[in-house]
């Protein structure tokens, strides 16, 4: 496993509520850089600094993951586990995969 990859991805909702997995420090850093300036707060600043430090090898990727996850939780971005989803994509990978779920009686 690459040193900048998370042991377990952070699942967040993006765009119009589509679930996505943030799998590593670079993905988290990109997401934080794209966060609207008007919505940036202390949690954003701490997570962004942690991701930068992890990319430079100054802290562990899992430390940055924890701070990114806290940022996502604070801003209600975390995707619930096991949620039926129309689509899922990985941030930063450029790939999109469709998931179809059907309710069964």
Protein backbone atom coordinates (compact mmCIF):
# COMPACT_ATOMS: atom_id res chain seq x y z
CA UNK A 1 0.00 0.00 0.00
CA UNK A 2 1.26 3.47 -0.83
CA UNK A 3 2.14 5.61 2.19
CA UNK A 4 -0.39 8.29 1.19
CA UNK A 5 -3.32 5.86 0.91
CA UNK A 6 -5.85 5.42 3.70
CA UNK A 7 -6.32 1.98 5.27
CA UNK A 8 -10.04 2.52 4.80
CA UNK A 9 -11.61 5.18 2.56
CA UNK A 10 -13.70 8.05 3.88
CA UNK A 11 -17.15 7.83 2.31
CA UNK A 12 -18.65 11.23 1.55
CA UNK A 13 -21.50 12.70 -0.47
CA UNK A 14 -20.57 14.98 -3.37
CA UNK A 15 -22.47 17.08 -5.89
CA UNK A 16 -26.16 16.30 -5.69
CA UNK A 17 -25.65 13.69 -2.99
CA UNK A 18 -23.73 11.04 -4.87
CA UNK A 19 -21.58 8.81 -2.66
CA UNK A 20 -17.83 8.89 -3.26
CA UNK A 21 -14.84 7.31 -1.60
CA UNK A 22 -11.83 9.41 -0.65
CA UNK A 23 -9.09 6.78 -0.72
CA UNK A 24 -5.97 8.76 0.07
CA UNK A 25 -4.36 11.98 1.18
CA UNK A 26 -4.19 13.45 -2.32
CA UNK A 27 -7.91 12.82 -2.88
CA UNK A 28 -8.74 14.50 0.44
CA UNK A 29 -6.43 17.41 -0.37
CA UNK A 30 -8.11 17.91 -3.76
CA UNK A 31 -11.55 17.85 -2.17
CA UNK A 32 -10.49 20.43 0.42
CA UNK A 33 -8.96 22.69 -2.26
CA UNK A 34 -12.24 22.59 -4.20
CA UNK A 35 -14.28 23.49 -1.10
CA UNK A 36 -15.91 26.94 -1.60
CA UNK A 37 -13.88 29.75 -0.04
CA UNK A 38 -16.99 31.20 1.58
CA UNK A 39 -17.57 27.93 3.49
CA UNK A 40 -14.02 27.41 4.73
CA UNK A 41 -13.62 27.36 8.51
CA UNK A 42 -11.19 26.20 11.17
CA UNK A 43 -11.99 22.51 10.54
CA UNK A 44 -11.21 23.02 6.86
CA UNK A 45 -7.92 24.77 7.66
CA UNK A 46 -6.79 22.03 10.04
CA UNK A 47 -7.70 19.23 7.60
CA UNK A 48 -5.99 21.04 4.70
CA UNK A 49 -2.80 21.60 6.72
CA UNK A 50 -2.80 17.97 7.84
CA UNK A 51 -3.18 16.70 4.28
CA UNK A 52 -0.34 18.97 3.15
CA UNK A 53 1.85 17.68 5.97
CA UNK A 54 1.01 14.06 5.09
CA UNK A 55 1.87 14.67 1.44
CA UNK A 56 5.25 16.01 2.55
CA UNK A 57 5.75 12.95 4.77
CA UNK A 58 5.65 14.94 8.00
CA UNK A 59 2.68 13.05 9.49
CA UNK A 60 1.01 9.70 8.89
CA UNK A 61 -1.75 9.41 6.28
CA UNK A 62 -4.09 8.01 8.94
CA UNK A 63 -3.69 11.19 11.02
CA UNK A 64 -4.73 13.26 7.99
CA UNK A 65 -7.58 10.81 7.37
CA UNK A 66 -8.93 11.36 10.87
CA UNK A 67 -8.89 15.13 10.46
CA UNK A 68 -10.48 14.95 7.01
CA UNK A 69 -13.16 12.62 8.38
CA UNK A 70 -13.85 15.10 11.21
CA UNK A 71 -14.16 17.91 8.64
CA UNK A 72 -16.57 15.79 6.57
CA UNK A 73 -18.64 14.93 9.63
CA UNK A 74 -18.84 18.56 10.74
CA UNK A 75 -20.15 19.59 7.33
CA UNK A 76 -22.58 16.65 7.02
CA UNK A 77 -20.67 15.17 4.08
CA UNK A 78 -20.30 11.64 5.40
CA UNK A 79 -22.22 9.02 3.48
CA UNK A 80 -24.16 6.55 5.59
CA UNK A 81 -22.89 2.96 5.46
CA UNK A 82 -25.00 0.60 3.38
CA UNK A 83 -27.10 3.34 1.81
CA UNK A 84 -28.79 2.37 -1.43
CA UNK A 85 -27.10 4.46 -4.05
CA UNK A 86 -27.89 5.27 -7.65
CA UNK A 87 -24.24 5.97 -8.45
CA UNK A 88 -20.85 5.83 -6.86
CA UNK A 89 -17.53 7.31 -7.91
CA UNK A 90 -14.04 7.53 -6.56
CA UNK A 91 -12.72 11.05 -6.13
CA UNK A 92 -9.53 11.62 -8.05
CA UNK A 93 -9.66 8.38 -10.01
CA UNK A 94 -11.79 9.71 -12.85
CA UNK A 95 -13.81 6.49 -12.91
CA UNK A 96 -17.52 6.16 -12.43
CA UNK A 97 -19.31 2.94 -11.65
CA UNK A 98 -23.03 2.29 -11.43
CA UNK A 99 -24.56 0.42 -8.55
CA UNK A 100 -28.08 -0.87 -8.85
CA UNK A 101 -29.99 -1.79 -5.76
CA UNK A 102 -33.50 -3.07 -5.58
CA UNK A 103 -35.67 -3.45 -2.54
CA UNK A 104 -36.86 -6.92 -1.91
CA UNK A 105 -39.91 -7.92 0.09
